[in-house]
Structure formats: structure tokens, C-alpha cells
Amino acid sequence: MAVPKSKVFRARGRKRRTHYKLNLPSIVACPKCGEMRLAHHVCKACGTYKGVQVLAVEEDKQRA
């Protein structure tokens, strides 16, 4: 009967069992202005969502 030569510690076994990976957020181009935005979110550049103006966006201000 096979017997392990030594104890396998928890940390060693758990190192092999890591399958956690980062997922990239889904980024799409806005159909109105072409700016990249998160999918299913309001565009920060033009303030539209599904072709409807949702937010009032101010003009670009130059930083001092």
C-alpha cells in the first residue's frame, strides 16, 4: 500500500488550487461620440444611454 513520505502542509496544497484571475471590464465605444465607456453605463463624455440624453454634460473646461 502506498504511504506518503511526508506530510503535505495546507499552504503547499492551497498554492496549487488557486484559479483566481482578474476579469477585464467590458469596454465598448459610445455610438454617439465614439468615446470608450463601460458597457451598460451612461457615457461620461456625452451623457447618453441607449440613444437618450440622460445627463447634462458641461463643456470642457481648461485646467489652470
PDB file of N, CA and C in Angstrom:
ATOM      1  N   MET A   1       0.845  -1.174   0.000  1.00  0.00           N
ATOM      2  CA  MET A   1       0.000   0.000   0.000  1.00  0.00           C
ATOM      3  C   MET A   1       0.894   1.242   0.000  1.00  0.00           C
ATOM      4  N   ALA A   2       0.568   2.235  -0.818  1.00  0.00           N
ATOM      5  CA  ALA A   2       1.374   3.451  -0.910  1.00  0.00           C
ATOM      6  C   ALA A   2       1.148   4.335   0.301  1.00  0.00           C
ATOM      7  N   VAL A   3       2.244   4.830   0.843  1.00  0.00           N
ATOM      8  CA  VAL A   3       2.197   5.699   2.017  1.00  0.00           C
ATOM      9  C   VAL A   3       2.971   6.962   1.686  1.00  0.00           C
ATOM     10  N   PRO A   4       2.432   8.173   1.997  1.00  0.00           N
ATOM     11  CA  PRO A   4       3.180   9.402   1.739  1.00  0.00           C
ATOM     12  C   PRO A   4       4.472   9.450   2.558  1.00  0.00           C
ATOM     13  N   LYS A   5       5.546   9.958   1.942  1.00  0.00           N
ATOM     14  CA  LYS A   5       6.812  10.045   2.653  1.00  0.00           C
ATOM     15  C   LYS A   5       6.782  11.123   3.723  1.00  0.00           C
ATOM     16  N   SER A   6       6.052  12.195   3.481  1.00  0.00           N
ATOM     17  CA  SER A   6       5.982  13.268   4.478  1.00  0.00           C
ATOM     18  C   SER A   6       4.630  13.962   4.371  1.00  0.00           C
ATOM     19  N   LYS A   7       4.329  14.731   5.405  1.00  0.00           N
ATOM     20  CA  LYS A   7       3.053  15.450   5.453  1.00  0.00           C
ATOM     21  C   LYS A   7       3.057  16.568   4.409  1.00  0.00           C
ATOM     22  N   VAL A   8       1.953  16.720   3.712  1.00  0.00           N
ATOM     23  CA  VAL A   8       1.790  17.839   2.782  1.00  0.00           C
ATOM     24  C   VAL A   8       1.039  18.923   3.535  1.00  0.00           C
ATOM     25  N   PHE A   9       1.705  20.032   3.749  1.00  0.00           N
ATOM     26  CA  PHE A   9       1.123  21.112   4.528  1.00  0.00           C
ATOM     27  C   PHE A   9       0.042  21.841   3.733  1.00  0.00           C
ATOM     28  N   ARG A  10      -0.879  22.480   4.469  1.00  0.00           N
ATOM     29  CA  ARG A  10      -2.021  23.154   3.842  1.00  0.00           C
ATOM     30  C   ARG A  10      -1.585  24.206   2.836  1.00  0.00           C
ATOM     31  N   ALA A  11      -0.564  24.957   3.187  1.00  0.00           N
ATOM     32  CA  ALA A  11      -0.131  26.049   2.312  1.00  0.00           C
ATOM     33  C   ALA A  11       0.346  25.513   0.962  1.00  0.00           C
ATOM     34  N   ARG A  12       1.034  24.398   0.977  1.00  0.00           N
ATOM     35  CA  ARG A  12       1.549  23.839  -0.272  1.00  0.00           C
ATOM     36  C   ARG A  12       0.400  23.354  -1.171  1.00  0.00           C
ATOM     37  N   GLY A  13      -0.566  22.706  -0.582  1.00  0.00           N
ATOM     38  CA  GLY A  13      -1.700  22.235  -1.368  1.00  0.00           C
ATOM     39  C   GLY A  13      -2.552  23.369  -1.878  1.00  0.00           C
ATOM     40  N   ARG A  14      -2.719  24.397  -1.076  1.00  0.00           N
ATOM     41  CA  ARG A  14      -3.561  25.527  -1.464  1.00  0.00           C
ATOM     42  C   ARG A  14      -2.916  26.394  -2.535  1.00  0.00           C
ATOM     43  N   LYS A  15      -1.591  26.376  -2.624  1.00  0.00           N
ATOM     44  CA  LYS A  15      -0.912  27.128  -3.682  1.00  0.00           C
ATOM     45  C   LYS A  15      -1.287  26.581  -5.059  1.00  0.00           C
ATOM     46  N   ARG A  16      -1.474  25.275  -5.149  1.00  0.00           N
ATOM     47  CA  ARG A  16      -1.811  24.655  -6.427  1.00  0.00           C
ATOM     48  C   ARG A  16      -3.275  24.838  -6.782  1.00  0.00           C
ATOM     49  N   ARG A  17      -4.087  25.217  -5.848  1.00  0.00           N
ATOM     50  CA  ARG A  17      -5.530  25.288  -6.072  1.00  0.00           C
ATOM     51  C   ARG A  17      -6.024  26.717  -6.284  1.00  0.00           C
ATOM     52  N   THR A  18      -5.157  27.589  -6.736  1.00  0.00           N
ATOM     53  CA  THR A  18      -5.581  28.967  -6.973  1.00  0.00           C
ATOM     54  C   THR A  18      -5.923  29.139  -8.445  1.00  0.00           C
ATOM     55  N   HIS A  19      -7.155  29.436  -8.717  1.00  0.00           N
ATOM     56  CA  HIS A  19      -7.595  29.697 -10.080  1.00  0.00           C
ATOM     57  C   HIS A  19      -8.269  31.062 -10.164  1.00  0.00           C
ATOM     58  N   TYR A  20      -7.900  31.946  -9.240  1.00  0.00           N
ATOM     59  CA  TYR A  20      -8.492  33.277  -9.240  1.00  0.00           C
ATOM     60  C   TYR A  20      -7.783  34.126 -10.276  1.00  0.00           C
ATOM     61  N   LYS A  21      -8.539  34.673 -11.180  1.00  0.00           N
ATOM     62  CA  LYS A  21      -7.962  35.528 -12.203  1.00  0.00           C
ATOM     63  C   LYS A  21      -8.781  36.803 -12.298  1.00  0.00           C
ATOM     64  N   LEU A  22      -8.129  37.890 -12.625  1.00  0.00           N
ATOM     65  CA  LEU A  22      -8.817  39.160 -12.786  1.00  0.00           C
ATOM     66  C   LEU A  22      -9.566  39.168 -14.111  1.00  0.00           C
ATOM     67  N   ASN A  23     -10.751  39.743 -14.099  1.00  0.00           N
ATOM     68  CA  ASN A  23     -11.542  39.896 -15.314  1.00  0.00           C
ATOM     69  C   ASN A  23     -11.508  41.350 -15.751  1.00  0.00           C
ATOM     70  N   LEU A  24     -11.295  41.563 -17.018  1.00  0.00           N
ATOM     71  CA  LEU A  24     -11.300  42.918 -17.547  1.00  0.00           C
ATOM     72  C   LEU A  24     -12.736  43.404 -17.685  1.00  0.00           C
ATOM     73  N   PRO A  25     -12.987  44.676 -17.345  1.00  0.00           N
ATOM     74  CA  PRO A  25     -14.343  45.192 -17.550  1.00  0.00           C
ATOM     75  C   PRO A  25     -14.632  45.302 -19.044  1.00  0.00           C
ATOM     76  N   SER A  26     -15.885  45.069 -19.412  1.00  0.00           N
ATOM     77  CA  SER A  26     -16.249  45.132 -20.820  1.00  0.00           C
ATOM     78  C   SER A  26     -16.394  46.595 -21.231  1.00  0.00           C
ATOM     79  N   ILE A  27     -15.515  47.020 -22.111  1.00  0.00           N
ATOM     80  CA  ILE A  27     -15.477  48.411 -22.563  1.00  0.00           C
ATOM     81  C   ILE A  27     -15.896  48.447 -24.027  1.00  0.00           C
ATOM     82  N   VAL A  28     -16.834  49.346 -24.341  1.00  0.00           N
ATOM     83  CA  VAL A  28     -17.330  49.487 -25.712  1.00  0.00           C
ATOM     84  C   VAL A  28     -17.260  50.958 -26.106  1.00  0.00           C
ATOM     85  N   ALA A  29     -17.341  51.205 -27.391  1.00  0.00           N
ATOM     86  CA  ALA A  29     -17.338  52.578 -27.889  1.00  0.00           C
ATOM     87  C   ALA A  29     -18.757  53.134 -27.852  1.00  0.00           C
ATOM     88  N   CYS A  30     -18.897  54.390 -27.456  1.00  0.00           N
ATOM     89  CA  CYS A  30     -20.201  55.054 -27.429  1.00  0.00           C
ATOM     90  C   CYS A  30     -20.662  55.262 -28.875  1.00  0.00           C
ATOM     91  N   PRO A  31     -21.911  54.892 -29.184  1.00  0.00           N
ATOM     92  CA  PRO A  31     -22.364  55.052 -30.573  1.00  0.00           C
ATOM     93  C   PRO A  31     -22.507  56.510 -30.997  1.00  0.00           C
ATOM     94  N   LYS A  32     -22.700  57.426 -30.039  1.00  0.00           N
ATOM     95  CA  LYS A  32     -22.905  58.828 -30.395  1.00  0.00           C
ATOM     96  C   LYS A  32     -21.584  59.574 -30.573  1.00  0.00           C
ATOM     97  N   CYS A  33     -20.702  59.480 -29.546  1.00  0.00           N
ATOM     98  CA  CYS A  33     -19.473  60.277 -29.603  1.00  0.00           C
ATOM     99  C   CYS A  33     -18.221  59.451 -29.886  1.00  0.00           C
ATOM    100  N   GLY A  34     -18.308  58.124 -29.765  1.00  0.00           N
ATOM    101  CA  GLY A  34     -17.148  57.282 -30.048  1.00  0.00           C
ATOM    102  C   GLY A  34     -16.191  57.124 -28.890  1.00  0.00           C
ATOM    103  N   GLU A  35     -16.487  57.731 -27.771  1.00  0.00           N
ATOM    104  CA  GLU A  35     -15.642  57.630 -26.577  1.00  0.00           C
ATOM    105  C   GLU A  35     -15.797  56.229 -25.965  1.00  0.00           C
ATOM    106  N   MET A  36     -14.717  55.687 -25.422  1.00  0.00           N
ATOM    107  CA  MET A  36     -14.783  54.379 -24.784  1.00  0.00           C
ATOM    108  C   MET A  36     -15.475  54.513 -23.428  1.00  0.00           C
ATOM    109  N   ARG A  37     -16.407  53.574 -23.141  1.00  0.00           N
ATOM    110  CA  ARG A  37     -17.164  53.619 -21.891  1.00  0.00           C
ATOM    111  C   ARG A  37     -17.446  52.195 -21.442  1.00  0.00           C
ATOM    112  N   LEU A  38     -17.852  52.023 -20.189  1.00  0.00           N
ATOM    113  CA  LEU A  38     -18.241  50.717 -19.690  1.00  0.00           C
ATOM    114  C   LEU A  38     -19.577  50.315 -20.314  1.00  0.00           C
ATOM    115  N   ALA A  39     -19.736  49.041 -20.619  1.00  0.00           N
ATOM    116  CA  ALA A  39     -20.980  48.551 -21.198  1.00  0.00           C
ATOM    117  C   ALA A  39     -22.108  48.700 -20.184  1.00  0.00           C
ATOM    118  N   HIS A  40     -23.287  49.046 -20.642  1.00  0.00           N
ATOM    119  CA  HIS A  40     -24.485  49.220 -19.811  1.00  0.00           C
ATOM    120  C   HIS A  40     -24.333  50.357 -18.805  1.00  0.00           C
ATOM    121  N   HIS A  41     -23.559  51.388 -19.144  1.00  0.00           N
ATOM    122  CA  HIS A  41     -23.386  52.563 -18.296  1.00  0.00           C
ATOM    123  C   HIS A  41     -23.575  53.815 -19.143  1.00  0.00           C
ATOM    124  N   VAL A  42     -23.866  54.914 -18.485  1.00  0.00           N
ATOM    125  CA  VAL A  42     -24.013  56.193 -19.168  1.00  0.00           C
ATOM    126  C   VAL A  42     -22.635  56.667 -19.632  1.00  0.00           C
ATOM    127  N   CYS A  43     -22.564  57.211 -20.815  1.00  0.00           N
ATOM    128  CA  CYS A  43     -21.307  57.750 -21.341  1.00  0.00           C
ATOM    129  C   CYS A  43     -20.960  59.024 -20.580  1.00  0.00           C
ATOM    130  N   LYS A  44     -19.751  59.100 -20.049  1.00  0.00           N
ATOM    131  CA  LYS A  44     -19.340  60.275 -19.282  1.00  0.00           C
ATOM    132  C   LYS A  44     -19.028  61.460 -20.189  1.00  0.00           C
ATOM    133  N   ALA A  45     -18.698  61.189 -21.440  1.00  0.00           N
ATOM    134  CA  ALA A  45     -18.331  62.267 -22.347  1.00  0.00           C
ATOM    135  C   ALA A  45     -19.551  63.025 -22.862  1.00  0.00           C
ATOM    136  N   CYS A  46     -20.584  62.285 -23.292  1.00  0.00           N
ATOM    137  CA  CYS A  46     -21.743  62.964 -23.882  1.00  0.00           C
ATOM    138  C   CYS A  46     -23.015  62.823 -23.044  1.00  0.00           C
ATOM    139  N   GLY A  47     -23.040  61.924 -22.057  1.00  0.00           N
ATOM    140  CA  GLY A  47     -24.183  61.813 -21.159  1.00  0.00           C
ATOM    141  C   GLY A  47     -25.376  61.077 -21.728  1.00  0.00           C
ATOM    142  N   THR A  48     -25.158  60.215 -22.722  1.00  0.00           N
ATOM    143  CA  THR A  48     -26.276  59.477 -23.309  1.00  0.00           C
ATOM    144  C   THR A  48     -26.248  58.022 -22.871  1.00  0.00           C
ATOM    145  N   TYR A  49     -27.429  57.386 -22.873  1.00  0.00           N
ATOM    146  CA  TYR A  49     -27.563  55.964 -22.594  1.00  0.00           C
ATOM    147  C   TYR A  49     -28.660  55.422 -23.495  1.00  0.00           C
ATOM    148  N   LYS A  50     -28.325  54.455 -24.318  1.00  0.00           N
ATOM    149  CA  LYS A  50     -29.247  53.861 -25.299  1.00  0.00           C
ATOM    150  C   LYS A  50     -29.875  54.921 -26.199  1.00  0.00           C
ATOM    151  N   GLY A  51     -29.078  55.909 -26.611  1.00  0.00           N
ATOM    152  CA  GLY A  51     -29.544  56.939 -27.532  1.00  0.00           C
ATOM    153  C   GLY A  51     -30.360  58.039 -26.896  1.00  0.00           C
ATOM    154  N   VAL A  52     -30.532  58.040 -25.578  1.00  0.00           N
ATOM    155  CA  VAL A  52     -31.322  59.054 -24.887  1.00  0.00           C
ATOM    156  C   VAL A  52     -30.389  59.896 -24.023  1.00  0.00           C
ATOM    157  N   GLN A  53     -30.552  61.217 -24.093  1.00  0.00           N
ATOM    158  CA  GLN A  53     -29.745  62.122 -23.275  1.00  0.00           C
ATOM    159  C   GLN A  53     -30.201  61.994 -21.819  1.00  0.00           C
ATOM    160  N   VAL A  54     -29.317  61.521 -20.948  1.00  0.00           N
ATOM    161  CA  VAL A  54     -29.660  61.261 -19.549  1.00  0.00           C
ATOM    162  C   VAL A  54     -29.027  62.286 -18.625  1.00  0.00           C
ATOM    163  N   LEU A  55     -27.779  62.638 -18.887  1.00  0.00           N
ATOM    164  CA  LEU A  55     -27.059  63.599 -18.057  1.00  0.00           C
ATOM    165  C   LEU A  55     -26.759  64.856 -18.849  1.00  0.00           C
ATOM    166  N   ALA A  56     -26.819  65.982 -18.160  1.00  0.00           N
ATOM    167  CA  ALA A  56     -26.401  67.238 -18.779  1.00  0.00           C
ATOM    168  C   ALA A  56     -24.905  67.377 -18.558  1.00  0.00           C
ATOM    169  N   VAL A  57     -24.140  67.339 -19.638  1.00  0.00           N
ATOM    170  CA  VAL A  57     -22.686  67.400 -19.551  1.00  0.00           C
ATOM    171  C   VAL A  57     -22.235  68.811 -19.886  1.00  0.00           C
ATOM    172  N   GLU A  58     -21.375  69.362 -19.038  1.00  0.00           N
ATOM    173  CA  GLU A  58     -20.860  70.718 -19.279  1.00  0.00           C
ATOM    174  C   GLU A  58     -19.759  70.658 -20.334  1.00  0.00           C
ATOM    175  N   GLU A  59     -19.471  71.820 -20.926  1.00  0.00           N
ATOM    176  CA  GLU A  59     -18.394  71.921 -21.905  1.00  0.00           C
ATOM    177  C   GLU A  59     -17.055  71.659 -21.228  1.00  0.00           C
ATOM    178  N   ASP A  60     -16.066  71.244 -22.044  1.00  0.00           N
ATOM    179  CA  ASP A  60     -14.738  71.017 -21.489  1.00  0.00           C
ATOM    180  C   ASP A  60     -14.155  72.308 -20.947  1.00  0.00           C
ATOM    181  N   LYS A  61     -13.674  72.237 -19.720  1.00  0.00           N
ATOM    182  CA  LYS A  61     -13.038  73.396 -19.094  1.00  0.00           C
ATOM    183  C   LYS A  61     -11.541  73.160 -19.054  1.00  0.00           C
ATOM    184  N   GLN A  62     -10.788  74.170 -19.383  1.00  0.00           N
ATOM    185  CA  GLN A  62      -9.340  74.013 -19.337  1.00  0.00           C
ATOM    186  C   GLN A  62      -8.872  74.191 -17.918  1.00  0.00           C
ATOM    187  N   ARG A  63      -8.010  73.273 -17.502  1.00  0.00           N
ATOM    188  CA  ARG A  63      -7.489  73.318 -16.129  1.00  0.00           C
ATOM    189  C   ARG A  63      -6.385  74.342 -16.027  1.00  0.00           C
ATOM    190  N   ALA A  64      -6.371  75.044 -14.926  1.00  0.00           N
ATOM    191  CA  ALA A  64      -5.342  76.082 -14.745  1.00  0.00           C
ATOM    192  C   ALA A  64      -4.072  75.499 -14.208  1.00  0.00           C
TER     193      ALA A  64
END
